[in-house]
Amino acid sequence: MKASEVLTITPSDPHWPRQLNERLTTTAPAHLWIIGNLEILGKHKIGLFCSGHCPEDAIASAHMAARKFCQEQATMVSGFHSPTEKQCLRILLEGKQPIIICLARSLARIRMPSEWQTAIDSGRLLLLSRFERSRRADKETARRRNELVAALADGVLIVHALPGGAVWR
């Protein structure tokens, strides 16, 4: 198997995260599409969430937390979609810890940034999607992606939740 090959796993696969069925019950996905190191799914994971609009002090705190997670080699899981989450991903990619990026769209025809490919090739990055055909992220796929991140995580860090926003809900 090539490191960038898209694989499909189902609940019968030994790598399937059992907590998905327990936490999501009837909304649990029947398949996950993945690229990268499946072993990362079995690690203790910290979910990272941040609203798109974030105050400067929360951004600074997020950067410090990302650096600390690098030092501790904590496995991080997030959509890494908001600006602050993207900045944290850049910091995390400089470290050595495992990372799971959950996409709000299909992995088909993904354009892989070189930093992601390097991390996949070194066995420390897993790209994951619950969507087989969705080409673009929208509010609904983002909501379902965040639901998946929360279900996969053993703990979460919410950097900032805008009152009434998606992370808040």
C-alpha atoms as a PDB file:
ATOM      1  CA  MET A   1       0.000   0.000   0.000  1.00  0.00           C
ATOM      2  CA  LYS A   2       1.277   3.465  -0.885  1.00  0.00           C
ATOM      3  CA  ALA A   3       1.181   6.014   1.949  1.00  0.00           C
ATOM      4  CA  SER A   4      -1.117   8.303  -0.055  1.00  0.00           C
ATOM      5  CA  GLU A   5      -3.566   5.581  -1.139  1.00  0.00           C
ATOM      6  CA  VAL A   6      -7.173   6.094  -0.020  1.00  0.00           C
ATOM      7  CA  LEU A   7      -8.427   3.130   2.000  1.00  0.00           C
ATOM      8  CA  THR A   8     -11.903   2.397   3.298  1.00  0.00           C
ATOM      9  CA  ILE A   9     -12.518   0.889   6.715  1.00  0.00           C
ATOM     10  CA  THR A  10     -15.786  -0.326   8.228  1.00  0.00           C
ATOM     11  CA  PRO A  11     -16.857  -1.254  11.776  1.00  0.00           C
ATOM     12  CA  SER A  12     -15.650  -4.834  11.177  1.00  0.00           C
ATOM     13  CA  ASP A  13     -12.061  -3.614  10.613  1.00  0.00           C
ATOM     14  CA  PRO A  14      -9.756  -4.074  13.643  1.00  0.00           C
ATOM     15  CA  HIS A  15      -8.642  -0.429  13.329  1.00  0.00           C
ATOM     16  CA  TRP A  16     -12.216   0.903  13.506  1.00  0.00           C
ATOM     17  CA  PRO A  17     -12.545   3.321  16.453  1.00  0.00           C
ATOM     18  CA  ARG A  18     -15.155   1.587  18.641  1.00  0.00           C
ATOM     19  CA  GLN A  19     -16.082   4.827  20.410  1.00  0.00           C
ATOM     20  CA  LEU A  20     -17.737   6.067  17.192  1.00  0.00           C
ATOM     21  CA  ASN A  21     -20.566   3.556  17.509  1.00  0.00           C
ATOM     22  CA  GLU A  22     -20.859   4.155  21.257  1.00  0.00           C
ATOM     23  CA  ARG A  23     -20.877   7.959  21.063  1.00  0.00           C
ATOM     24  CA  LEU A  24     -22.651   8.589  17.755  1.00  0.00           C
ATOM     25  CA  THR A  25     -25.028   5.600  17.915  1.00  0.00           C
ATOM     26  CA  THR A  26     -27.448   6.008  14.980  1.00  0.00           C
ATOM     27  CA  THR A  27     -25.407   8.786  13.311  1.00  0.00           C
ATOM     28  CA  ALA A  28     -22.141   6.804  13.327  1.00  0.00           C
ATOM     29  CA  PRO A  29     -20.640   6.459   9.850  1.00  0.00           C
ATOM     30  CA  ALA A  30     -20.738   3.061   8.145  1.00  0.00           C
ATOM     31  CA  HIS A  31     -17.386   3.759   6.442  1.00  0.00           C
ATOM     32  CA  LEU A  32     -14.335   5.921   6.961  1.00  0.00           C
ATOM     33  CA  TRP A  33     -12.014   6.881   4.125  1.00  0.00           C
ATOM     34  CA  ILE A  34      -8.414   7.297   5.187  1.00  0.00           C
ATOM     35  CA  ILE A  35      -4.941   8.138   3.950  1.00  0.00           C
ATOM     36  CA  GLY A  36      -1.991   7.475   6.226  1.00  0.00           C
ATOM     37  CA  ASN A  37      -1.089   5.507   9.318  1.00  0.00           C
ATOM     38  CA  LEU A  38      -4.111   3.599  10.673  1.00  0.00           C
ATOM     39  CA  GLU A  39      -2.303   2.901  13.955  1.00  0.00           C
ATOM     40  CA  ILE A  40      -2.842   6.547  14.960  1.00  0.00           C
ATOM     41  CA  LEU A  41      -6.554   5.791  15.467  1.00  0.00           C
ATOM     42  CA  GLY A  42      -5.666   3.620  18.467  1.00  0.00           C
ATOM     43  CA  LYS A  43      -3.809   6.366  20.330  1.00  0.00           C
ATOM     44  CA  HIS A  44      -5.163   8.666  23.065  1.00  0.00           C
ATOM     45  CA  LYS A  45      -6.409  11.705  21.122  1.00  0.00           C
ATOM     46  CA  ILE A  46      -7.046  15.348  21.994  1.00  0.00           C
ATOM     47  CA  GLY A  47      -9.623  17.150  19.871  1.00  0.00           C
ATOM     48  CA  LEU A  48      -8.972  20.775  18.920  1.00  0.00           C
ATOM     49  CA  PHE A  49     -11.791  23.226  18.159  1.00  0.00           C
ATOM     50  CA  CYS A  50     -11.810  26.968  17.548  1.00  0.00           C
ATOM     51  CA  SER A  51     -14.373  29.301  16.039  1.00  0.00           C
ATOM     52  CA  GLY A  52     -13.442  31.135  12.858  1.00  0.00           C
ATOM     53  CA  HIS A  53     -13.438  34.464  14.679  1.00  0.00           C
ATOM     54  CA  CYS A  54     -11.125  34.357  17.653  1.00  0.00           C
ATOM     55  CA  PRO A  55      -9.725  37.058  19.971  1.00  0.00           C
ATOM     56  CA  GLU A  56      -5.962  37.681  19.884  1.00  0.00           C
ATOM     57  CA  ASP A  57      -5.390  36.430  23.441  1.00  0.00           C
ATOM     58  CA  ALA A  58      -7.073  33.110  22.605  1.00  0.00           C
ATOM     59  CA  ILE A  59      -4.932  32.796  19.454  1.00  0.00           C
ATOM     60  CA  ALA A  60      -1.764  33.329  21.514  1.00  0.00           C
ATOM     61  CA  SER A  61      -2.968  30.705  24.021  1.00  0.00           C
ATOM     62  CA  ALA A  62      -3.684  28.282  21.164  1.00  0.00           C
ATOM     63  CA  HIS A  63      -0.153  28.684  19.822  1.00  0.00           C
ATOM     64  CA  MET A  64       1.308  28.002  23.270  1.00  0.00           C
ATOM     65  CA  ALA A  65      -0.925  24.936  23.665  1.00  0.00           C
ATOM     66  CA  ALA A  66       0.117  23.604  20.232  1.00  0.00           C
ATOM     67  CA  ARG A  67       3.784  23.954  21.184  1.00  0.00           C
ATOM     68  CA  LYS A  68       3.133  22.152  24.470  1.00  0.00           C
ATOM     69  CA  PHE A  69       1.314  19.339  22.642  1.00  0.00           C
ATOM     70  CA  CYS A  70       4.367  19.029  20.355  1.00  0.00           C
ATOM     71  CA  GLN A  71       6.672  18.677  23.360  1.00  0.00           C
ATOM     72  CA  GLU A  72       4.366  16.118  24.959  1.00  0.00           C
ATOM     73  CA  GLN A  73       3.896  14.340  21.618  1.00  0.00           C
ATOM     74  CA  ALA A  74       0.131  14.347  22.179  1.00  0.00           C
ATOM     75  CA  THR A  75      -1.975  12.960  19.343  1.00  0.00           C
ATOM     76  CA  MET A  76      -4.171  15.754  18.015  1.00  0.00           C
ATOM     77  CA  VAL A  77      -7.414  15.394  16.037  1.00  0.00           C
ATOM     78  CA  SER A  78      -9.238  18.291  14.387  1.00  0.00           C
ATOM     79  CA  GLY A  79     -10.691  19.559  11.168  1.00  0.00           C
ATOM     80  CA  PHE A  80      -7.921  22.173  11.216  1.00  0.00           C
ATOM     81  CA  HIS A  81     -10.249  24.423   9.243  1.00  0.00           C
ATOM     82  CA  SER A  82     -10.551  27.741  11.123  1.00  0.00           C
ATOM     83  CA  PRO A  83      -7.626  30.187  10.837  1.00  0.00           C
ATOM     84  CA  THR A  84      -6.465  29.458  14.393  1.00  0.00           C
ATOM     85  CA  GLU A  85      -6.758  25.686  13.879  1.00  0.00           C
ATOM     86  CA  LYS A  86      -4.679  26.031  10.680  1.00  0.00           C
ATOM     87  CA  GLN A  87      -2.004  27.971  12.572  1.00  0.00           C
ATOM     88  CA  CYS A  88      -1.936  25.247  15.228  1.00  0.00           C
ATOM     89  CA  LEU A  89      -1.576  22.602  12.511  1.00  0.00           C
ATOM     90  CA  ARG A  90       1.488  24.409  11.128  1.00  0.00           C
ATOM     91  CA  ILE A  91       3.046  24.304  14.603  1.00  0.00           C
ATOM     92  CA  LEU A  92       2.087  20.646  15.114  1.00  0.00           C
ATOM     93  CA  LEU A  93       3.543  19.625  11.751  1.00  0.00           C
ATOM     94  CA  GLU A  94       6.930  20.915  12.968  1.00  0.00           C
ATOM     95  CA  GLY A  95       6.811  18.405  15.837  1.00  0.00           C
ATOM     96  CA  LYS A  96       6.968  14.629  15.932  1.00  0.00           C
ATOM     97  CA  GLN A  97       3.569  13.752  17.415  1.00  0.00           C
ATOM     98  CA  PRO A  98       0.770  11.969  15.512  1.00  0.00           C
ATOM     99  CA  ILE A  99      -1.971  14.096  13.943  1.00  0.00           C
ATOM    100  CA  ILE A 100      -5.406  13.238  12.558  1.00  0.00           C
ATOM    101  CA  ILE A 101      -6.978  15.679  10.129  1.00  0.00           C
ATOM    102  CA  CYS A 102     -10.698  15.110   9.628  1.00  0.00           C
ATOM    103  CA  LEU A 103     -12.009  16.620   6.418  1.00  0.00           C
ATOM    104  CA  ALA A 104     -15.534  17.897   5.784  1.00  0.00           C
ATOM    105  CA  ARG A 105     -15.376  16.511   2.251  1.00  0.00           C
ATOM    106  CA  SER A 106     -14.256  13.433   0.357  1.00  0.00           C
ATOM    107  CA  LEU A 107     -10.601  12.424   0.109  1.00  0.00           C
ATOM    108  CA  ALA A 108     -11.060  11.722  -3.598  1.00  0.00           C
ATOM    109  CA  ARG A 109      -8.896  14.011  -5.739  1.00  0.00           C
ATOM    110  CA  ILE A 110      -7.366  15.735  -2.716  1.00  0.00           C
ATOM    111  CA  ARG A 111      -4.456  18.050  -3.444  1.00  0.00           C
ATOM    112  CA  MET A 112      -1.945  17.150  -0.802  1.00  0.00           C
ATOM    113  CA  PRO A 113       0.189  19.973   0.629  1.00  0.00           C
ATOM    114  CA  SER A 114       3.840  18.903   0.717  1.00  0.00           C
ATOM    115  CA  GLU A 115       3.973  19.236   4.541  1.00  0.00           C
ATOM    116  CA  TRP A 116       1.063  16.798   4.820  1.00  0.00           C
ATOM    117  CA  GLN A 117       2.671  14.333   2.420  1.00  0.00           C
ATOM    118  CA  THR A 118       5.934  14.470   4.384  1.00  0.00           C
ATOM    119  CA  ALA A 119       4.053  13.750   7.639  1.00  0.00           C
ATOM    120  CA  ILE A 120       2.082  10.915   5.989  1.00  0.00           C
ATOM    121  CA  ASP A 121       5.284   9.413   4.602  1.00  0.00           C
ATOM    122  CA  SER A 122       6.845   9.511   8.083  1.00  0.00           C
ATOM    123  CA  GLY A 123       3.814   7.684   9.530  1.00  0.00           C
ATOM    124  CA  ARG A 124       2.576  10.474  11.813  1.00  0.00           C
ATOM    125  CA  LEU A 125      -0.370  11.890   9.867  1.00  0.00           C
ATOM    126  CA  LEU A 126      -3.743  10.341   9.149  1.00  0.00           C
ATOM    127  CA  LEU A 127      -6.293  12.032   6.904  1.00  0.00           C
ATOM    128  CA  LEU A 128      -9.803  10.879   7.610  1.00  0.00           C
ATOM    129  CA  SER A 129     -13.219  11.528   6.093  1.00  0.00           C
ATOM    130  CA  ARG A 130     -16.688  10.158   6.639  1.00  0.00           C
ATOM    131  CA  PHE A 131     -17.703  11.394   3.179  1.00  0.00           C
ATOM    132  CA  GLU A 132     -17.326   9.295   0.054  1.00  0.00           C
ATOM    133  CA  ARG A 133     -18.509  11.797  -2.551  1.00  0.00           C
ATOM    134  CA  SER A 134     -18.836  15.263  -1.042  1.00  0.00           C
ATOM    135  CA  ARG A 135     -16.470  17.499  -3.040  1.00  0.00           C
ATOM    136  CA  ARG A 136     -16.873  20.696  -1.038  1.00  0.00           C
ATOM    137  CA  ALA A 137     -17.275  21.426   2.612  1.00  0.00           C
ATOM    138  CA  ASP A 138     -20.477  23.176   3.641  1.00  0.00           C
ATOM    139  CA  LYS A 139     -22.161  23.893   6.980  1.00  0.00           C
ATOM    140  CA  GLU A 140     -23.687  20.417   7.201  1.00  0.00           C
ATOM    141  CA  THR A 141     -20.529  18.489   6.296  1.00  0.00           C
ATOM    142  CA  ALA A 142     -18.540  20.713   8.689  1.00  0.00           C
ATOM    143  CA  ARG A 143     -21.044  19.960  11.471  1.00  0.00           C
ATOM    144  CA  ARG A 144     -20.807  16.225  10.804  1.00  0.00           C
ATOM    145  CA  ARG A 145     -16.990  16.441  10.618  1.00  0.00           C
ATOM    146  CA  ASN A 146     -16.869  18.217  14.000  1.00  0.00           C
ATOM    147  CA  GLU A 147     -19.191  15.577  15.420  1.00  0.00           C
ATOM    148  CA  LEU A 148     -16.714  12.939  14.211  1.00  0.00           C
ATOM    149  CA  VAL A 149     -13.730  14.797  15.741  1.00  0.00           C
ATOM    150  CA  ALA A 150     -15.517  15.014  19.097  1.00  0.00           C
ATOM    151  CA  ALA A 151     -16.451  11.320  18.984  1.00  0.00           C
ATOM    152  CA  LEU A 152     -12.875  10.276  18.166  1.00  0.00           C
ATOM    153  CA  ALA A 153     -11.302  12.452  20.884  1.00  0.00           C
ATOM    154  CA  ASP A 154     -10.593  11.245  24.399  1.00  0.00           C
ATOM    155  CA  GLY A 155     -10.506  14.885  25.524  1.00  0.00           C
ATOM    156  CA  VAL A 156     -11.017  18.242  23.835  1.00  0.00           C
ATOM    157  CA  LEU A 157      -9.482  21.699  23.842  1.00  0.00           C
ATOM    158  CA  ILE A 158     -11.886  24.445  22.802  1.00  0.00           C
ATOM    159  CA  VAL A 159      -9.695  27.462  22.114  1.00  0.00           C
ATOM    160  CA  HIS A 160     -12.654  29.777  21.531  1.00  0.00           C
ATOM    161  CA  ALA A 161     -16.348  29.239  20.891  1.00  0.00           C
ATOM    162  CA  LEU A 162     -18.171  32.227  19.466  1.00  0.00           C
ATOM    163  CA  PRO A 163     -21.505  32.484  21.352  1.00  0.00           C
ATOM    164  CA  GLY A 164     -24.205  31.008  19.127  1.00  0.00           C
ATOM    165  CA  GLY A 165     -21.656  29.712  16.586  1.00  0.00           C
ATOM    166  CA  ALA A 166     -21.088  26.168  15.348  1.00  0.00           C
ATOM    167  CA  VAL A 167     -18.410  25.320  17.932  1.00  0.00           C
ATOM    168  CA  TRP A 168     -20.623  26.766  20.674  1.00  0.00           C
ATOM    169  CA  ARG A 169     -23.490  24.485  19.661  1.00  0.00           C
END
